[in-house]
Amino acid sequence: QVQLVESGGGLVQPGGSLRLSCAASGSIASINAMGWFRQTPGKQRELVATITSGGRINYADSVKGHFAISRDNADNTVYLQMNGLKPEDTAVYYCYANIRGFTYWGQGTQVTVSS
């Protein structure tokens, strides 16, 4: 069994920063891609950023230049540094991990950008 535990969400003013963390634990041999999606009510979950075990990174166009994803392979942890936050970044953020062909999800963490 694999568990993903997220932390770091919360309420922040426009222009502020937050750092999300997601730690994977359990029956992990090796993790391929890890990353983040987000979802708002009534919309589909959308990709935010992803990083492979080799360090290849992909961002959604909407977050390029103000979000940064990183990963600690030794600790099976993925991070999302979010700077210059905007109200439209408000969403539930979910981390994921691809392990041996399966995709595992975290429980989600709320990020609210509001004055």
N, C-alpha and C. Protein backbone atom coordinates (compact mmCIF):
# COMPACT_ATOMS: atom_id res chain seq x y z
N GLN A 1 0.85 -1.19 0.00
CA GLN A 1 0.00 0.00 0.00
C GLN A 1 0.89 1.24 0.00
N VAL A 2 0.47 2.24 -0.76
CA VAL A 2 1.21 3.49 -0.88
C VAL A 2 0.34 4.62 -0.34
N GLN A 3 0.95 5.48 0.44
CA GLN A 3 0.25 6.65 0.95
C GLN A 3 0.99 7.91 0.52
N LEU A 4 0.21 8.92 0.14
CA LEU A 4 0.75 10.24 -0.17
C LEU A 4 0.13 11.23 0.80
N VAL A 5 0.96 11.94 1.52
CA VAL A 5 0.48 12.90 2.52
C VAL A 5 0.95 14.29 2.14
N GLU A 6 -0.01 15.18 1.93
CA GLU A 6 0.29 16.55 1.52
C GLU A 6 0.24 17.49 2.71
N SER A 7 0.96 18.59 2.58
CA SER A 7 0.90 19.65 3.59
C SER A 7 1.28 20.97 2.95
N GLY A 8 0.93 22.06 3.63
CA GLY A 8 1.38 23.37 3.18
C GLY A 8 0.32 24.27 2.59
N GLY A 9 -0.90 23.78 2.44
CA GLY A 9 -1.95 24.64 1.90
C GLY A 9 -2.40 25.67 2.92
N GLY A 10 -3.30 26.57 2.49
CA GLY A 10 -3.81 27.58 3.41
C GLY A 10 -4.34 28.79 2.68
N LEU A 11 -4.54 29.84 3.47
CA LEU A 11 -5.05 31.12 2.94
C LEU A 11 -3.88 32.09 2.79
N VAL A 12 -3.81 32.73 1.63
CA VAL A 12 -2.74 33.69 1.37
C VAL A 12 -3.31 34.84 0.57
N GLN A 13 -2.73 36.01 0.76
CA GLN A 13 -3.16 37.17 -0.01
C GLN A 13 -2.59 37.14 -1.43
N PRO A 14 -3.25 37.79 -2.37
CA PRO A 14 -2.69 37.88 -3.73
C PRO A 14 -1.27 38.41 -3.71
N GLY A 15 -0.42 37.76 -4.51
CA GLY A 15 1.00 38.12 -4.55
C GLY A 15 1.84 37.36 -3.55
N GLY A 16 1.21 36.63 -2.65
CA GLY A 16 1.93 35.88 -1.64
C GLY A 16 2.47 34.56 -2.14
N SER A 17 3.08 33.81 -1.23
CA SER A 17 3.72 32.55 -1.58
C SER A 17 3.28 31.44 -0.63
N LEU A 18 3.27 30.23 -1.14
CA LEU A 18 3.06 29.03 -0.35
C LEU A 18 3.96 27.94 -0.90
N ARG A 19 4.32 27.00 -0.03
CA ARG A 19 5.08 25.83 -0.46
C ARG A 19 4.33 24.58 -0.04
N LEU A 20 3.95 23.78 -1.04
CA LEU A 20 3.28 22.51 -0.78
C LEU A 20 4.31 21.39 -0.75
N SER A 21 4.06 20.42 0.12
CA SER A 21 4.91 19.23 0.19
C SER A 21 4.04 17.99 0.09
N CYS A 22 4.61 16.93 -0.45
CA CYS A 22 3.89 15.67 -0.55
C CYS A 22 4.90 14.54 -0.35
N ALA A 23 4.70 13.76 0.70
CA ALA A 23 5.60 12.67 1.02
C ALA A 23 4.93 11.34 0.74
N ALA A 24 5.63 10.49 0.01
CA ALA A 24 5.13 9.15 -0.30
C ALA A 24 5.75 8.14 0.65
N SER A 25 4.93 7.19 1.09
CA SER A 25 5.42 6.14 1.99
C SER A 25 4.68 4.84 1.68
N GLY A 26 5.23 3.74 2.20
CA GLY A 26 4.59 2.45 1.99
C GLY A 26 5.44 1.54 1.11
N SER A 27 4.79 0.73 0.30
CA SER A 27 5.47 -0.24 -0.55
C SER A 27 5.99 0.43 -1.82
N ILE A 28 7.10 1.11 -1.65
CA ILE A 28 7.66 1.87 -2.77
C ILE A 28 8.97 1.26 -3.18
N ALA A 29 9.04 0.77 -4.43
CA ALA A 29 10.31 0.30 -4.96
C ALA A 29 11.01 1.46 -5.66
N SER A 30 10.31 2.05 -6.57
CA SER A 30 10.83 3.24 -7.23
C SER A 30 9.64 4.03 -7.75
N ILE A 31 9.78 5.34 -7.72
CA ILE A 31 8.71 6.22 -8.18
C ILE A 31 9.15 6.84 -9.50
N ASN A 32 8.29 6.77 -10.49
CA ASN A 32 8.60 7.40 -11.77
C ASN A 32 8.26 8.87 -11.65
N ALA A 33 7.16 9.30 -12.21
CA ALA A 33 6.78 10.70 -12.16
C ALA A 33 6.04 11.03 -10.87
N MET A 34 6.25 12.23 -10.38
CA MET A 34 5.47 12.81 -9.28
C MET A 34 5.04 14.20 -9.72
N GLY A 35 4.00 14.70 -9.08
CA GLY A 35 3.60 16.05 -9.45
C GLY A 35 2.33 16.49 -8.78
N TRP A 36 1.75 17.52 -9.37
CA TRP A 36 0.59 18.18 -8.77
C TRP A 36 -0.48 18.47 -9.82
N PHE A 37 -1.72 18.23 -9.42
CA PHE A 37 -2.89 18.66 -10.15
C PHE A 37 -3.68 19.58 -9.23
N ARG A 38 -4.63 20.30 -9.79
CA ARG A 38 -5.53 21.10 -8.97
C ARG A 38 -6.94 21.03 -9.54
N GLN A 39 -7.90 21.31 -8.66
CA GLN A 39 -9.30 21.21 -9.07
C GLN A 39 -10.13 22.25 -8.34
N THR A 40 -11.03 22.90 -9.08
CA THR A 40 -12.00 23.82 -8.51
C THR A 40 -13.39 23.24 -8.72
N PRO A 41 -14.37 23.66 -7.92
CA PRO A 41 -15.71 23.08 -8.04
C PRO A 41 -16.28 23.21 -9.45
N GLY A 42 -16.80 22.11 -9.95
CA GLY A 42 -17.45 22.11 -11.26
C GLY A 42 -16.49 21.98 -12.42
N LYS A 43 -15.19 21.88 -12.14
CA LYS A 43 -14.21 21.76 -13.23
C LYS A 43 -13.42 20.46 -13.10
N GLN A 44 -12.82 20.06 -14.21
CA GLN A 44 -11.99 18.87 -14.19
C GLN A 44 -10.65 19.17 -13.50
N ARG A 45 -10.07 18.11 -12.96
CA ARG A 45 -8.75 18.24 -12.37
C ARG A 45 -7.76 18.58 -13.49
N GLU A 46 -6.90 19.56 -13.25
CA GLU A 46 -5.96 19.97 -14.29
C GLU A 46 -4.52 19.85 -13.79
N LEU A 47 -3.65 19.53 -14.74
CA LEU A 47 -2.24 19.40 -14.42
C LEU A 47 -1.65 20.75 -14.04
N VAL A 48 -0.84 20.77 -12.99
CA VAL A 48 -0.10 21.96 -12.60
C VAL A 48 1.37 21.80 -12.97
N ALA A 49 1.99 20.74 -12.48
CA ALA A 49 3.40 20.50 -12.75
C ALA A 49 3.73 19.05 -12.49
N THR A 50 4.74 18.55 -13.20
CA THR A 50 5.16 17.17 -13.02
C THR A 50 6.67 17.10 -13.15
N ILE A 51 7.26 16.13 -12.46
CA ILE A 51 8.70 15.94 -12.50
C ILE A 51 9.00 14.45 -12.49
N THR A 52 9.86 14.01 -13.40
CA THR A 52 10.21 12.59 -13.47
C THR A 52 11.35 12.28 -12.50
N SER A 53 11.64 11.00 -12.34
CA SER A 53 12.74 10.60 -11.45
C SER A 53 14.07 11.14 -11.96
N GLY A 54 14.15 11.37 -13.26
CA GLY A 54 15.37 11.92 -13.84
C GLY A 54 15.44 13.43 -13.82
N GLY A 55 14.37 14.07 -13.32
CA GLY A 55 14.39 15.52 -13.18
C GLY A 55 13.77 16.30 -14.33
N ARG A 56 13.15 15.59 -15.28
CA ARG A 56 12.49 16.31 -16.36
C ARG A 56 11.20 16.93 -15.83
N ILE A 57 10.97 18.20 -16.16
CA ILE A 57 9.87 18.97 -15.58
C ILE A 57 8.94 19.48 -16.66
N ASN A 58 7.65 19.50 -16.33
CA ASN A 58 6.65 20.06 -17.23
C ASN A 58 5.69 20.90 -16.39
N TYR A 59 5.35 22.09 -16.89
CA TYR A 59 4.43 22.98 -16.20
C TYR A 59 3.23 23.30 -17.09
N ALA A 60 2.09 23.54 -16.45
CA ALA A 60 0.97 24.13 -17.17
C ALA A 60 1.35 25.55 -17.56
N ASP A 61 0.87 26.00 -18.70
CA ASP A 61 1.21 27.35 -19.16
C ASP A 61 0.81 28.41 -18.13
N SER A 62 -0.27 28.17 -17.43
CA SER A 62 -0.80 29.17 -16.50
C SER A 62 0.09 29.39 -15.28
N VAL A 63 1.02 28.48 -15.00
CA VAL A 63 1.86 28.63 -13.81
C VAL A 63 3.33 28.82 -14.13
N LYS A 64 3.69 28.76 -15.40
CA LYS A 64 5.09 28.94 -15.78
C LYS A 64 5.58 30.30 -15.32
N GLY A 65 6.75 30.30 -14.70
CA GLY A 65 7.34 31.55 -14.26
C GLY A 65 7.00 31.94 -12.83
N HIS A 66 5.96 31.32 -12.24
CA HIS A 66 5.70 31.65 -10.83
C HIS A 66 5.48 30.45 -9.93
N PHE A 67 5.44 29.23 -10.47
CA PHE A 67 5.49 28.01 -9.66
C PHE A 67 6.77 27.26 -9.99
N ALA A 68 7.30 26.54 -9.01
CA ALA A 68 8.49 25.71 -9.24
C ALA A 68 8.32 24.38 -8.53
N ILE A 69 8.50 23.29 -9.27
CA ILE A 69 8.39 21.95 -8.69
C ILE A 69 9.79 21.41 -8.45
N SER A 70 9.94 20.67 -7.38
CA SER A 70 11.22 20.01 -7.09
C SER A 70 10.93 18.70 -6.38
N ARG A 71 11.99 17.92 -6.24
CA ARG A 71 11.78 16.56 -5.74
C ARG A 71 13.01 16.10 -4.98
N ASP A 72 12.78 15.37 -3.89
CA ASP A 72 13.85 14.72 -3.15
C ASP A 72 13.65 13.22 -3.29
N ASN A 73 14.42 12.59 -4.16
CA ASN A 73 14.23 11.16 -4.41
C ASN A 73 14.58 10.31 -3.18
N ALA A 74 15.51 10.78 -2.38
CA ALA A 74 15.90 10.01 -1.19
C ALA A 74 14.76 9.92 -0.18
N ASP A 75 13.95 10.98 -0.11
CA ASP A 75 12.83 11.03 0.84
C ASP A 75 11.49 10.78 0.18
N ASN A 76 11.49 10.51 -1.12
CA ASN A 76 10.23 10.29 -1.86
C ASN A 76 9.25 11.43 -1.63
N THR A 77 9.76 12.64 -1.74
CA THR A 77 8.96 13.83 -1.49
C THR A 77 9.01 14.77 -2.69
N VAL A 78 7.86 15.35 -3.02
CA VAL A 78 7.78 16.34 -4.08
C VAL A 78 7.27 17.65 -3.48
N TYR A 79 7.80 18.76 -3.99
CA TYR A 79 7.45 20.07 -3.49
C TYR A 79 6.89 20.94 -4.61
N LEU A 80 6.07 21.90 -4.23
CA LEU A 80 5.59 22.89 -5.19
C LEU A 80 5.71 24.26 -4.53
N GLN A 81 6.67 25.05 -5.00
CA GLN A 81 6.83 26.41 -4.52
C GLN A 81 5.96 27.31 -5.40
N MET A 82 5.04 28.02 -4.77
CA MET A 82 4.09 28.86 -5.50
C MET A 82 4.32 30.31 -5.09
N ASN A 83 4.75 31.10 -6.04
CA ASN A 83 5.02 32.52 -5.82
C ASN A 83 4.06 33.37 -6.65
N GLY A 84 3.89 34.62 -6.25
CA GLY A 84 3.02 35.50 -7.01
C GLY A 84 1.62 34.94 -7.17
N LEU A 85 1.07 34.40 -6.10
CA LEU A 85 -0.23 33.74 -6.20
C LEU A 85 -1.34 34.71 -6.59
N LYS A 86 -2.27 34.19 -7.38
CA LYS A 86 -3.40 34.97 -7.89
C LYS A 86 -4.70 34.31 -7.42
N PRO A 87 -5.78 35.07 -7.36
CA PRO A 87 -7.06 34.46 -6.96
C PRO A 87 -7.43 33.24 -7.81
N GLU A 88 -7.07 33.25 -9.08
CA GLU A 88 -7.40 32.12 -9.94
C GLU A 88 -6.57 30.87 -9.64
N ASP A 89 -5.58 30.98 -8.77
CA ASP A 89 -4.85 29.80 -8.31
C ASP A 89 -5.57 29.07 -7.18
N THR A 90 -6.67 29.66 -6.70
CA THR A 90 -7.46 29.02 -5.64
C THR A 90 -8.00 27.69 -6.13
N ALA A 91 -7.74 26.63 -5.38
CA ALA A 91 -8.15 25.29 -5.78
C ALA A 91 -7.76 24.30 -4.68
N VAL A 92 -8.23 23.07 -4.82
CA VAL A 92 -7.69 21.97 -4.04
C VAL A 92 -6.54 21.38 -4.86
N TYR A 93 -5.38 21.28 -4.25
CA TYR A 93 -4.19 20.77 -4.93
C TYR A 93 -3.95 19.33 -4.49
N TYR A 94 -3.78 18.46 -5.49
CA TYR A 94 -3.57 17.04 -5.26
C TYR A 94 -2.19 16.63 -5.77
N CYS A 95 -1.44 15.93 -4.97
CA CYS A 95 -0.20 15.37 -5.50
C CYS A 95 -0.47 13.95 -6.00
N TYR A 96 0.40 13.50 -6.88
CA TYR A 96 0.27 12.14 -7.40
C TYR A 96 1.67 11.54 -7.56
N ALA A 97 1.68 10.21 -7.65
CA ALA A 97 2.92 9.50 -7.91
C ALA A 97 2.62 8.30 -8.79
N ASN A 98 3.43 8.11 -9.81
CA ASN A 98 3.33 6.94 -10.67
C ASN A 98 4.34 5.90 -10.19
N ILE A 99 3.83 4.77 -9.75
CA ILE A 99 4.68 3.71 -9.22
C ILE A 99 4.30 2.39 -9.88
N ARG A 100 5.23 1.84 -10.63
CA ARG A 100 5.04 0.54 -11.29
C ARG A 100 3.73 0.52 -12.09
N GLY A 101 3.46 1.58 -12.80
CA GLY A 101 2.30 1.62 -13.70
C GLY A 101 1.00 2.05 -13.05
N PHE A 102 1.01 2.26 -11.74
CA PHE A 102 -0.19 2.72 -11.04
C PHE A 102 -0.01 4.18 -10.63
N THR A 103 -1.14 4.91 -10.59
CA THR A 103 -1.13 6.29 -10.15
C THR A 103 -1.80 6.38 -8.79
N TYR A 104 -1.09 6.92 -7.84
CA TYR A 104 -1.60 7.12 -6.49
C TYR A 104 -1.80 8.61 -6.26
N TRP A 105 -2.83 8.93 -5.45
CA TRP A 105 -3.18 10.33 -5.19
C TRP A 105 -3.16 10.64 -3.71
N GLY A 106 -2.80 11.88 -3.41
CA GLY A 106 -2.95 12.38 -2.06
C GLY A 106 -4.39 12.79 -1.79
N GLN A 107 -4.64 13.22 -0.57
CA GLN A 107 -6.01 13.54 -0.16
C GLN A 107 -6.42 14.95 -0.59
N GLY A 108 -5.47 15.75 -1.00
CA GLY A 108 -5.77 17.11 -1.43
C GLY A 108 -5.55 18.12 -0.31
N THR A 109 -5.07 19.30 -0.70
CA THR A 109 -4.89 20.38 0.27
C THR A 109 -5.44 21.67 -0.36
N GLN A 110 -6.20 22.41 0.43
CA GLN A 110 -6.86 23.61 -0.09
C GLN A 110 -5.89 24.78 -0.10
N VAL A 111 -5.86 25.46 -1.23
CA VAL A 111 -5.12 26.72 -1.37
C VAL A 111 -6.14 27.79 -1.73
N THR A 112 -6.20 28.83 -0.92
CA THR A 112 -7.13 29.93 -1.16
C THR A 112 -6.33 31.23 -1.24
N VAL A 113 -6.50 31.94 -2.36
CA VAL A 113 -5.82 33.22 -2.57
C VAL A 113 -6.88 34.30 -2.55
N SER A 114 -6.86 35.10 -1.50
CA SER A 114 -7.90 36.12 -1.33
C SER A 114 -7.40 37.21 -0.40
N SER A 115 -7.88 38.42 -0.65
CA SER A 115 -7.56 39.54 0.24
C SER A 115 -8.64 39.71 1.29
